[in-house]
Amino acid sequence: MSETVLESRTKEYARRIIRLCAALPRGPAARVLGDQLLRSGTSIGANYREAMRSRSKAEFIAKLGDSLKEASESEYWLELLSDESFLPVNRLQPLLEETREITAMLIASIKTARSR
């Protein structure tokens, strides 16, 4: 079974989040923000994968909604890391852009699923 584009992108996104969190400074604030980002950023793809294996349309939409929630939360943590200058903006900006693209794809998928 081959991965969908979104499944592949969310997995690569999770890998990028893991590497970013490993590069954060060791202070308490960065650690807390990094832990939150690590949880939400890796959960997007996990929930999407569950959605792809759902047993009903309602379960599919609910799991996509969980992915969307985690993407929104990841965007928040990335914005805070940027606002507090824990990493250079040029390191965070591409991940923020990818977060927004994944969010848009999830929203479109939810709308499509609801209309069918």
Protein backbone atom coordinates (compact mmCIF):
# COMPACT_ATOMS: atom_id res chain seq x y z
CA MET A 1 0.00 0.00 0.00
CA SER A 2 1.52 3.32 -1.04
CA GLU A 3 1.46 6.46 1.07
CA THR A 4 -0.71 9.38 0.07
CA VAL A 5 0.94 12.75 -0.56
CA LEU A 6 -0.35 14.07 2.75
CA GLU A 7 0.77 10.95 4.62
CA SER A 8 4.26 11.33 3.18
CA ARG A 9 4.40 15.07 3.89
CA THR A 10 3.23 14.72 7.48
CA LYS A 11 5.82 12.02 8.12
CA GLU A 12 8.62 14.16 6.70
CA TYR A 13 7.24 17.11 8.68
CA ALA A 14 7.46 15.05 11.88
CA ARG A 15 11.08 14.19 11.09
CA ARG A 16 11.87 17.88 10.60
CA ILE A 17 10.17 18.72 13.90
CA ILE A 18 12.24 16.05 15.68
CA ARG A 19 15.46 17.53 14.30
CA LEU A 20 14.40 21.08 15.16
CA CYS A 21 13.54 20.14 18.74
CA ALA A 22 16.92 18.42 19.12
CA ALA A 23 18.60 21.69 18.09
CA LEU A 24 16.83 23.87 20.67
CA PRO A 25 18.84 25.42 23.51
CA ARG A 26 18.81 23.49 26.78
CA GLY A 27 17.03 26.11 28.94
CA PRO A 28 13.71 25.41 30.68
CA ALA A 29 11.53 27.59 28.43
CA ALA A 30 12.92 26.15 25.21
CA ARG A 31 12.57 22.63 26.63
CA VAL A 32 8.89 23.12 27.49
CA LEU A 33 8.08 24.69 24.11
CA GLY A 34 10.08 22.00 22.34
CA ASP A 35 8.31 19.21 24.20
CA GLN A 36 4.93 20.67 23.25
CA LEU A 37 5.98 21.07 19.62
CA LEU A 38 7.41 17.56 19.53
CA ARG A 39 4.09 16.11 20.72
CA SER A 40 1.85 18.12 18.40
CA GLY A 41 4.14 18.06 15.36
CA THR A 42 4.53 14.29 15.38
CA SER A 43 0.84 13.71 16.11
CA ILE A 44 -0.35 15.27 12.83
CA GLY A 45 0.85 12.36 10.74
CA ALA A 46 -0.11 9.74 13.31
CA ASN A 47 -3.70 10.98 13.36
CA TYR A 48 -3.75 11.26 9.58
CA ARG A 49 -2.55 7.68 9.28
CA GLU A 50 -5.35 6.59 11.62
CA ALA A 51 -7.83 8.53 9.48
CA MET A 52 -6.68 6.67 6.39
CA ARG A 53 -7.46 3.41 8.17
CA SER A 54 -10.77 4.51 9.67
CA ARG A 55 -13.86 2.32 9.62
CA SER A 56 -16.43 4.99 8.89
CA LYS A 57 -16.83 8.42 7.36
CA ALA A 58 -17.47 9.92 10.79
CA GLU A 59 -14.30 8.38 12.20
CA PHE A 60 -12.35 9.58 9.13
CA ILE A 61 -13.54 13.17 9.58
CA ALA A 62 -12.90 13.06 13.34
CA LYS A 63 -9.31 11.86 12.86
CA LEU A 64 -8.70 14.50 10.19
CA GLY A 65 -10.02 17.01 12.72
CA ASP A 66 -7.51 15.72 15.27
CA SER A 67 -4.72 16.20 12.73
CA LEU A 68 -5.94 19.72 12.04
CA LYS A 69 -5.98 20.53 15.75
CA GLU A 70 -2.40 19.29 16.13
CA ALA A 71 -1.28 21.31 13.08
CA SER A 72 -2.81 24.45 14.55
CA GLU A 73 -1.10 23.78 17.86
CA SER A 74 2.23 23.17 16.12
CA GLU A 75 1.92 26.50 14.36
CA TYR A 76 1.41 28.17 17.74
CA TRP A 77 4.53 26.57 19.27
CA LEU A 78 6.63 27.44 16.22
CA GLU A 79 5.43 31.05 16.42
CA LEU A 80 6.42 31.22 20.09
CA LEU A 81 9.85 29.76 19.37
CA SER A 82 10.28 32.37 16.66
CA ASP A 83 8.96 35.24 18.78
CA GLU A 84 11.37 34.34 21.58
CA SER A 85 14.32 33.91 19.15
CA PHE A 86 15.21 30.40 20.34
CA LEU A 87 16.32 29.59 16.78
CA PRO A 88 17.01 31.78 13.75
CA VAL A 89 13.93 32.81 11.77
CA ASN A 90 15.36 31.21 8.61
CA ARG A 91 15.31 27.84 10.44
CA LEU A 92 11.71 28.22 11.66
CA GLN A 93 10.08 29.94 8.65
CA PRO A 94 10.13 26.94 6.29
CA LEU A 95 8.48 24.79 8.98
CA LEU A 96 5.86 27.46 9.60
CA GLU A 97 5.11 27.53 5.87
CA GLU A 98 4.86 23.74 5.71
CA THR A 99 2.56 23.78 8.77
CA ARG A 100 0.25 26.22 7.00
CA GLU A 101 0.27 24.16 3.80
CA ILE A 102 -0.53 20.95 5.69
CA THR A 103 -3.30 22.82 7.54
CA ALA A 104 -4.81 23.96 4.23
CA MET A 105 -4.66 20.42 2.85
CA LEU A 106 -6.36 19.03 5.96
CA ILE A 107 -9.11 21.66 5.78
CA ALA A 108 -9.71 20.83 2.11
CA SER A 109 -9.82 17.10 2.92
CA ILE A 110 -12.34 17.64 5.71
CA LYS A 111 -14.55 19.78 3.46
CA THR A 112 -14.41 17.17 0.70
CA ALA A 113 -15.23 14.33 3.10
CA ARG A 114 -18.19 16.22 4.56
CA SER A 115 -19.63 16.99 1.14
CA ARG A 116 -19.67 13.35 0.04
